[in-house]
Each structure stands twice: as structure tokens, then as C-alpha cells.
Amino acid sequence: MSGIAAASRNDISRAGRAAAAVIALATWVALALQLWLSIGLTLRNGGSVAGGVFLFVSYFTILTNLLLAAVLTALAFGRIVGASLIGAVTLFIVIVGIVYALLLRATWNPQGWQKVADMALHDLTPLLAVAFWLGFVPKGRLAWQDAARWLLFPLGYFIFALARGASSGWWAYPFLNADALGYQGVMINAVILTLAFLGLGLLLVAIDRSLGRIAR
């Protein structure tokens, strides 16, 4: 079966749907907390509620967690979700955790509720998503070309981040800051991240196919 084939309603067990519901709820709560914090920060800096919402959705972390929450919510309600989409969300949230741990954690020191939101969206949800994928998602349904398809989402975000930074001078992440690094430096970082996405995507497909053969 190809990586874009949809899973049937019975592929995710009742326990899996319950786990999806719990993880989805935790993710939605963490997102709501971060939205409240983003709006509050923007208002304190003289901005608007709309500006706070725009700030909120300008991070890859937030967009990925929103996608994760939406997919898990759909699974919790027994909806059909393609194996490739589940794999993509798992890959994206793993990248969020890895990049944050290696490149971003040391750049700031959040306190209070911001630290709670930070840990939930960068540490907890990646771990829970991987556990869910390993424990409840049927294996052997991904194709090698899925790893290439999955690059479209980070590529779209990269274009958005560059456009926003160039127009406003605000950069979501230091490794995308063309004002500080120059566009050549940003493109080098983009190539490195693209290779990381592709390499980890291929690894995810390899694990899926291996586990699928074992399950047969």
C-alpha cells in the first residue's frame, strides 16, 4: 500500500484513539497558553490582538503543533487520516524538538508560564507524538517518495519566514535572520535543514517499512 493511502477507521484501536485524544488535548492546551502569552506580549509592546495572533502563527513550532493537534483530534474522533500525513506530522514535530534542543534552547531563559509553554511545545509534544506513532499507527504504509513530499511544508514556511523578515525586519529564528547572516548564510542554513528533513524523513520511512515487515 502506498504512503498516501488512507488508513481505515479500524486501523487505530480504541486505545489508540484514546491516546490520540489525550495528546491532542495536551497540545491544544499548550497552544492556547502560548497564544495567550503571545497576545499579552504584543499588547505590552503597544501592538494589537491581531498582531499577537500573527506573531503566534509565525513560528514553525506553532504551525507544527497546530497540525499535530488537528491530526490527533481527527484520529480521536475516528476520522480517516492518510499514513503519509501522520508520518509527516511525526517528522515535523521531531525536527522541532531536535532543532530547539541543539540550536535554540540556550538562546533564552523563559520563566513562569512561558517556560511551561516552552517545554510543552518543544519537549513534551515531540515525545508524545513519537510514542503515539510507534505504539498505535499501523506500519508498512509509507513510501520512499513520502520523504521528498514532506519537504513542501518546511519549504513553504521558509518562503514565508523570509518574506516576513524582509518586509518587517522581524525574524522568527536566528538561523533565518538574513539581516545578521546575509542571504547567503541563510541559504546555507536552509540547505542543511533541508538535508536534515530529508535524512530523518528517509529514516522514518525505513523504520516504518521495517516494522511493517515484522508485523506481517
C-alpha atoms as a PDB file:
ATOM      1  CA  MET A   1       0.000   0.000   0.000  1.00  0.00           C
ATOM      2  CA  SER A   2       1.370   3.419  -0.895  1.00  0.00           C
ATOM      3  CA  GLY A   3       2.355   6.068   1.622  1.00  0.00           C
ATOM      4  CA  ILE A   4      -0.559   8.274   0.609  1.00  0.00           C
ATOM      5  CA  ALA A   5      -3.162   5.571   1.168  1.00  0.00           C
ATOM      6  CA  ALA A   6      -5.686   6.368   3.839  1.00  0.00           C
ATOM      7  CA  ALA A   7      -5.928   4.274   6.953  1.00  0.00           C
ATOM      8  CA  SER A   8      -9.257   2.635   7.613  1.00  0.00           C
ATOM      9  CA  ARG A   9     -11.296   3.574  10.669  1.00  0.00           C
ATOM     10  CA  ASN A  10     -10.402   0.279  12.353  1.00  0.00           C
ATOM     11  CA  ASP A  11      -6.624   0.715  11.920  1.00  0.00           C
ATOM     12  CA  ILE A  12      -6.373   2.892  15.007  1.00  0.00           C
ATOM     13  CA  SER A  13      -7.529   0.896  18.004  1.00  0.00           C
ATOM     14  CA  ARG A  14      -9.816   2.178  20.709  1.00  0.00           C
ATOM     15  CA  ALA A  15      -6.758   2.579  22.936  1.00  0.00           C
ATOM     16  CA  GLY A  16      -5.042   4.469  20.130  1.00  0.00           C
ATOM     17  CA  ARG A  17      -7.988   6.829  19.729  1.00  0.00           C
ATOM     18  CA  ALA A  18      -7.982   7.437  23.481  1.00  0.00           C
ATOM     19  CA  ALA A  19      -4.244   8.158  23.402  1.00  0.00           C
ATOM     20  CA  ALA A  20      -4.744  10.499  20.449  1.00  0.00           C
ATOM     21  CA  ALA A  21      -7.436  12.345  22.384  1.00  0.00           C
ATOM     22  CA  VAL A  22      -5.220  12.815  25.434  1.00  0.00           C
ATOM     23  CA  ILE A  23      -2.224  14.024  23.408  1.00  0.00           C
ATOM     24  CA  ALA A  24      -4.417  16.290  21.291  1.00  0.00           C
ATOM     25  CA  LEU A  25      -5.943  17.858  24.407  1.00  0.00           C
ATOM     26  CA  ALA A  26      -2.499  18.460  25.928  1.00  0.00           C
ATOM     27  CA  THR A  27      -1.313  20.028  22.677  1.00  0.00           C
ATOM     28  CA  TRP A  28      -4.369  22.301  22.352  1.00  0.00           C
ATOM     29  CA  VAL A  29      -3.936  23.464  25.959  1.00  0.00           C
ATOM     30  CA  ALA A  30      -0.254  24.240  25.381  1.00  0.00           C
ATOM     31  CA  LEU A  31      -1.118  26.122  22.194  1.00  0.00           C
ATOM     32  CA  ALA A  32      -3.833  28.114  23.955  1.00  0.00           C
ATOM     33  CA  LEU A  33      -1.362  29.062  26.683  1.00  0.00           C
ATOM     34  CA  GLN A  34       1.208  30.210  24.133  1.00  0.00           C
ATOM     35  CA  LEU A  35      -1.431  32.181  22.233  1.00  0.00           C
ATOM     36  CA  TRP A  36      -2.410  33.977  25.443  1.00  0.00           C
ATOM     37  CA  LEU A  37       1.254  34.731  26.163  1.00  0.00           C
ATOM     38  CA  SER A  38       1.897  35.966  22.615  1.00  0.00           C
ATOM     39  CA  ILE A  39      -1.096  38.294  22.684  1.00  0.00           C
ATOM     40  CA  GLY A  40      -0.104  39.608  26.103  1.00  0.00           C
ATOM     41  CA  LEU A  41       3.459  40.294  24.973  1.00  0.00           C
ATOM     42  CA  THR A  42       2.251  42.081  21.849  1.00  0.00           C
ATOM     43  CA  LEU A  43      -0.196  44.241  23.800  1.00  0.00           C
ATOM     44  CA  ARG A  44       2.501  45.201  26.289  1.00  0.00           C
ATOM     45  CA  ASN A  45       4.682  46.288  23.377  1.00  0.00           C
ATOM     46  CA  GLY A  46       1.955  48.521  22.012  1.00  0.00           C
ATOM     47  CA  GLY A  47       0.583  46.101  19.443  1.00  0.00           C
ATOM     48  CA  SER A  48      -2.858  44.651  18.849  1.00  0.00           C
ATOM     49  CA  VAL A  49      -4.599  41.337  19.467  1.00  0.00           C
ATOM     50  CA  ALA A  50      -4.375  40.612  15.734  1.00  0.00           C
ATOM     51  CA  GLY A  51      -0.651  41.307  15.903  1.00  0.00           C
ATOM     52  CA  GLY A  52      -0.344  38.847  18.764  1.00  0.00           C
ATOM     53  CA  VAL A  53      -2.135  36.173  16.767  1.00  0.00           C
ATOM     54  CA  PHE A  54       0.108  36.840  13.775  1.00  0.00           C
ATOM     55  CA  LEU A  55       3.169  36.568  15.999  1.00  0.00           C
ATOM     56  CA  PHE A  56       1.801  33.279  17.337  1.00  0.00           C
ATOM     57  CA  VAL A  57       1.389  31.668  13.910  1.00  0.00           C
ATOM     58  CA  SER A  58       4.719  32.960  12.608  1.00  0.00           C
ATOM     59  CA  TYR A  59       6.718  30.156  14.237  1.00  0.00           C
ATOM     60  CA  PHE A  60       7.320  26.742  12.696  1.00  0.00           C
ATOM     61  CA  THR A  61       6.906  25.268  16.165  1.00  0.00           C
ATOM     62  CA  ILE A  62       3.373  26.620  16.464  1.00  0.00           C
ATOM     63  CA  LEU A  63       2.303  25.616  12.966  1.00  0.00           C
ATOM     64  CA  THR A  64       3.633  22.113  13.517  1.00  0.00           C
ATOM     65  CA  ASN A  65       1.917  21.734  16.874  1.00  0.00           C
ATOM     66  CA  LEU A  66      -1.329  23.011  15.334  1.00  0.00           C
ATOM     67  CA  LEU A  67      -1.040  20.387  12.612  1.00  0.00           C
ATOM     68  CA  LEU A  68      -0.250  17.707  15.192  1.00  0.00           C
ATOM     69  CA  ALA A  69      -3.247  18.684  17.327  1.00  0.00           C
ATOM     70  CA  ALA A  70      -5.562  18.690  14.303  1.00  0.00           C
ATOM     71  CA  VAL A  71      -4.419  15.265  13.079  1.00  0.00           C
ATOM     72  CA  LEU A  72      -4.661  13.697  16.529  1.00  0.00           C
ATOM     73  CA  THR A  73      -8.089  15.218  17.071  1.00  0.00           C
ATOM     74  CA  ALA A  74      -9.264  13.714  13.788  1.00  0.00           C
ATOM     75  CA  LEU A  75      -7.889  10.305  14.801  1.00  0.00           C
ATOM     76  CA  ALA A  76      -9.515  10.566  18.219  1.00  0.00           C
ATOM     77  CA  PHE A  77     -12.895  11.016  16.503  1.00  0.00           C
ATOM     78  CA  GLY A  78     -12.275   8.045  14.225  1.00  0.00           C
ATOM     79  CA  ARG A  79     -11.657  10.063  11.081  1.00  0.00           C
ATOM     80  CA  ILE A  80      -9.656   8.723   8.167  1.00  0.00           C
ATOM     81  CA  VAL A  81      -6.136  10.174   8.090  1.00  0.00           C
ATOM     82  CA  GLY A  82      -3.573   9.148   5.497  1.00  0.00           C
ATOM     83  CA  ALA A  83      -0.468   7.334   6.680  1.00  0.00           C
ATOM     84  CA  SER A  84       1.725   9.876   4.893  1.00  0.00           C
ATOM     85  CA  LEU A  85       0.129  12.778   6.775  1.00  0.00           C
ATOM     86  CA  ILE A  86       0.607  11.065  10.115  1.00  0.00           C
ATOM     87  CA  GLY A  87       4.228  10.368   9.202  1.00  0.00           C
ATOM     88  CA  ALA A  88       4.752  13.961   8.099  1.00  0.00           C
ATOM     89  CA  VAL A  89       3.418  15.379  11.353  1.00  0.00           C
ATOM     90  CA  THR A  90       5.592  12.986  13.334  1.00  0.00           C
ATOM     91  CA  LEU A  91       8.671  14.031  11.376  1.00  0.00           C
ATOM     92  CA  PHE A  92       7.953  17.757  11.691  1.00  0.00           C
ATOM     93  CA  ILE A  93       7.436  17.670  15.452  1.00  0.00           C
ATOM     94  CA  VAL A  94      10.607  15.583  15.906  1.00  0.00           C
ATOM     95  CA  ILE A  95      12.531  18.230  13.937  1.00  0.00           C
ATOM     96  CA  VAL A  96      11.014  20.893  16.206  1.00  0.00           C
ATOM     97  CA  GLY A  97      12.352  19.117  19.275  1.00  0.00           C
ATOM     98  CA  ILE A  98      15.798  18.457  17.826  1.00  0.00           C
ATOM     99  CA  VAL A  99      16.367  21.959  16.434  1.00  0.00           C
ATOM    100  CA  TYR A 100      15.192  23.559  19.649  1.00  0.00           C
ATOM    101  CA  ALA A 101      17.432  21.359  21.784  1.00  0.00           C
ATOM    102  CA  LEU A 102      20.519  21.879  19.618  1.00  0.00           C
ATOM    103  CA  LEU A 103      20.174  25.469  18.406  1.00  0.00           C
ATOM    104  CA  LEU A 104      17.630  27.473  20.362  1.00  0.00           C
ATOM    105  CA  ARG A 105      17.319  26.369  23.982  1.00  0.00           C
ATOM    106  CA  ALA A 106      20.489  28.153  25.046  1.00  0.00           C
ATOM    107  CA  THR A 107      19.469  31.432  23.385  1.00  0.00           C
ATOM    108  CA  TRP A 108      16.901  32.420  26.046  1.00  0.00           C
ATOM    109  CA  ASN A 109      15.715  31.597  29.535  1.00  0.00           C
ATOM    110  CA  PRO A 110      11.899  31.574  29.753  1.00  0.00           C
ATOM    111  CA  GLN A 111      10.284  31.845  33.153  1.00  0.00           C
ATOM    112  CA  GLY A 112       6.890  31.109  34.661  1.00  0.00           C
ATOM    113  CA  TRP A 113       4.079  30.213  32.269  1.00  0.00           C
ATOM    114  CA  GLN A 114       6.338  30.873  29.294  1.00  0.00           C
ATOM    115  CA  LYS A 115       8.620  28.094  30.475  1.00  0.00           C
ATOM    116  CA  VAL A 116       5.624  25.758  30.813  1.00  0.00           C
ATOM    117  CA  ALA A 117       4.511  26.525  27.262  1.00  0.00           C
ATOM    118  CA  ASP A 118       8.080  26.253  26.013  1.00  0.00           C
ATOM    119  CA  MET A 119       8.603  22.786  27.491  1.00  0.00           C
ATOM    120  CA  ALA A 120       5.191  21.564  26.383  1.00  0.00           C
ATOM    121  CA  LEU A 121       5.564  22.629  22.746  1.00  0.00           C
ATOM    122  CA  HIS A 122       9.238  21.726  22.274  1.00  0.00           C
ATOM    123  CA  ASP A 123       9.796  18.751  24.571  1.00  0.00           C
ATOM    124  CA  LEU A 124       6.523  17.092  25.548  1.00  0.00           C
ATOM    125  CA  THR A 125       4.651  17.015  22.253  1.00  0.00           C
ATOM    126  CA  PRO A 126       7.582  15.576  20.252  1.00  0.00           C
ATOM    127  CA  LEU A 127       7.993  12.755  22.771  1.00  0.00           C
ATOM    128  CA  LEU A 128       4.265  12.016  22.882  1.00  0.00           C
ATOM    129  CA  ALA A 129       3.966  12.117  19.093  1.00  0.00           C
ATOM    130  CA  VAL A 130       6.794   9.624  18.637  1.00  0.00           C
ATOM    131  CA  ALA A 131       5.325   7.345  21.301  1.00  0.00           C
ATOM    132  CA  PHE A 132       1.933   7.502  19.596  1.00  0.00           C
ATOM    133  CA  TRP A 133       3.387   6.748  16.157  1.00  0.00           C
ATOM    134  CA  LEU A 134       5.390   3.814  17.457  1.00  0.00           C
ATOM    135  CA  GLY A 135       2.610   2.397  19.611  1.00  0.00           C
ATOM    136  CA  PHE A 136      -0.600   2.935  17.668  1.00  0.00           C
ATOM    137  CA  VAL A 137      -0.025   3.784  13.993  1.00  0.00           C
ATOM    138  CA  PRO A 138      -0.074   0.815  11.560  1.00  0.00           C
ATOM    139  CA  LYS A 139       3.290   0.331   9.895  1.00  0.00           C
ATOM    140  CA  GLY A 140       4.402  -0.559   6.388  1.00  0.00           C
ATOM    141  CA  ARG A 141       2.339   2.122   4.656  1.00  0.00           C
ATOM    142  CA  LEU A 142       4.944   4.766   3.853  1.00  0.00           C
ATOM    143  CA  ALA A 143       6.755   5.062   0.533  1.00  0.00           C
ATOM    144  CA  TRP A 144      10.256   6.373  -0.055  1.00  0.00           C
ATOM    145  CA  GLN A 145       8.896   9.307  -2.062  1.00  0.00           C
ATOM    146  CA  ASP A 146       6.997  10.482   1.014  1.00  0.00           C
ATOM    147  CA  ALA A 147      10.283  11.828   2.400  1.00  0.00           C
ATOM    148  CA  ALA A 148      10.515  14.148  -0.617  1.00  0.00           C
ATOM    149  CA  ARG A 149       6.845  15.170  -0.431  1.00  0.00           C
ATOM    150  CA  TRP A 150       7.281  16.121   3.201  1.00  0.00           C
ATOM    151  CA  LEU A 151       9.772  18.833   2.224  1.00  0.00           C
ATOM    152  CA  LEU A 152       6.971  21.007   0.837  1.00  0.00           C
ATOM    153  CA  PHE A 153       5.774  22.120   4.274  1.00  0.00           C
ATOM    154  CA  PRO A 154       9.164  23.368   5.584  1.00  0.00           C
ATOM    155  CA  LEU A 155       9.866  24.909   2.172  1.00  0.00           C
ATOM    156  CA  GLY A 156       6.599  26.843   2.339  1.00  0.00           C
ATOM    157  CA  TYR A 157       7.448  28.017   5.844  1.00  0.00           C
ATOM    158  CA  PHE A 158      10.940  29.069   4.749  1.00  0.00           C
ATOM    159  CA  ILE A 159       9.491  31.263   1.998  1.00  0.00           C
ATOM    160  CA  PHE A 160       7.007  32.781   4.447  1.00  0.00           C
ATOM    161  CA  ALA A 161       9.701  33.429   7.081  1.00  0.00           C
ATOM    162  CA  LEU A 162      11.984  35.135   4.573  1.00  0.00           C
ATOM    163  CA  ALA A 163       9.150  37.265   3.212  1.00  0.00           C
ATOM    164  CA  ARG A 164       8.065  38.340   6.676  1.00  0.00           C
ATOM    165  CA  GLY A 165      11.598  39.089   7.777  1.00  0.00           C
ATOM    166  CA  ALA A 166      12.411  41.074   4.662  1.00  0.00           C
ATOM    167  CA  SER A 167       9.243  43.161   4.979  1.00  0.00           C
ATOM    168  CA  SER A 168       9.269  43.769   8.741  1.00  0.00           C
ATOM    169  CA  GLY A 169      12.802  43.152   9.992  1.00  0.00           C
ATOM    170  CA  TRP A 170      11.447  40.529  12.428  1.00  0.00           C
ATOM    171  CA  TRP A 171      12.966  37.070  12.113  1.00  0.00           C
ATOM    172  CA  ALA A 172      11.408  34.041  13.786  1.00  0.00           C
ATOM    173  CA  TYR A 173      14.701  32.191  14.233  1.00  0.00           C
ATOM    174  CA  PRO A 174      18.330  33.359  14.390  1.00  0.00           C
ATOM    175  CA  PHE A 175      19.450  30.873  11.719  1.00  0.00           C
ATOM    176  CA  LEU A 176      16.971  32.527   9.309  1.00  0.00           C
ATOM    177  CA  ASN A 177      17.978  36.102  10.158  1.00  0.00           C
ATOM    178  CA  ALA A 178      19.181  37.487   6.834  1.00  0.00           C
ATOM    179  CA  ASP A 179      19.948  40.873   8.417  1.00  0.00           C
ATOM    180  CA  ALA A 180      22.553  39.242  10.654  1.00  0.00           C
ATOM    181  CA  LEU A 181      23.752  36.364   8.475  1.00  0.00           C
ATOM    182  CA  GLY A 182      23.146  37.646   4.971  1.00  0.00           C
ATOM    183  CA  TYR A 183      21.044  35.737   2.495  1.00  0.00           C
ATOM    184  CA  GLN A 184      23.962  33.502   1.576  1.00  0.00           C
ATOM    185  CA  GLY A 185      24.301  32.398   5.203  1.00  0.00           C
ATOM    186  CA  VAL A 186      20.566  31.822   5.466  1.00  0.00           C
ATOM    187  CA  MET A 187      20.572  29.730   2.293  1.00  0.00           C
ATOM    188  CA  ILE A 188      23.401  27.588   3.649  1.00  0.00           C
ATOM    189  CA  ASN A 189      21.399  27.003   6.815  1.00  0.00           C
ATOM    190  CA  ALA A 190      18.328  26.218   4.698  1.00  0.00           C
ATOM    191  CA  VAL A 191      20.243  23.580   2.742  1.00  0.00           C
ATOM    192  CA  ILE A 192      21.493  21.988   5.965  1.00  0.00           C
ATOM    193  CA  LEU A 193      17.970  21.915   7.407  1.00  0.00           C
ATOM    194  CA  THR A 194      16.555  20.528   4.171  1.00  0.00           C
ATOM    195  CA  LEU A 195      19.078  17.693   4.260  1.00  0.00           C
ATOM    196  CA  ALA A 196      18.130  17.062   7.890  1.00  0.00           C
ATOM    197  CA  PHE A 197      14.433  16.910   6.986  1.00  0.00           C
ATOM    198  CA  LEU A 198      15.148  14.579   4.079  1.00  0.00           C
ATOM    199  CA  GLY A 199      17.523  12.342   6.017  1.00  0.00           C
ATOM    200  CA  LEU A 200      15.214  11.975   9.016  1.00  0.00           C
ATOM    201  CA  GLY A 201      12.264  11.515   6.687  1.00  0.00           C
ATOM    202  CA  LEU A 202      14.020   8.635   4.948  1.00  0.00           C
ATOM    203  CA  LEU A 203      14.894   7.176   8.343  1.00  0.00           C
ATOM    204  CA  LEU A 204      11.243   7.365   9.387  1.00  0.00           C
ATOM    205  CA  VAL A 205      10.169   5.587   6.198  1.00  0.00           C
ATOM    206  CA  ALA A 206      12.846   2.923   6.738  1.00  0.00           C
ATOM    207  CA  ILE A 207      11.647   2.312  10.297  1.00  0.00           C
ATOM    208  CA  ASP A 208       8.036   2.151   9.109  1.00  0.00           C
ATOM    209  CA  ARG A 209       8.810  -0.375   6.390  1.00  0.00           C
ATOM    210  CA  SER A 210      10.961  -2.493   8.708  1.00  0.00           C
ATOM    211  CA  LEU A 211       8.301  -2.589  11.413  1.00  0.00           C
ATOM    212  CA  GLY A 212       5.690  -3.349   8.763  1.00  0.00           C
ATOM    213  CA  ARG A 213       7.609  -6.420   7.604  1.00  0.00           C
ATOM    214  CA  ILE A 214       7.973  -7.608  11.190  1.00  0.00           C
ATOM    215  CA  ALA A 215       4.230  -7.221  11.806  1.00  0.00           C
ATOM    216  CA  ARG A 216       3.253  -9.301   8.762  1.00  0.00           C
END
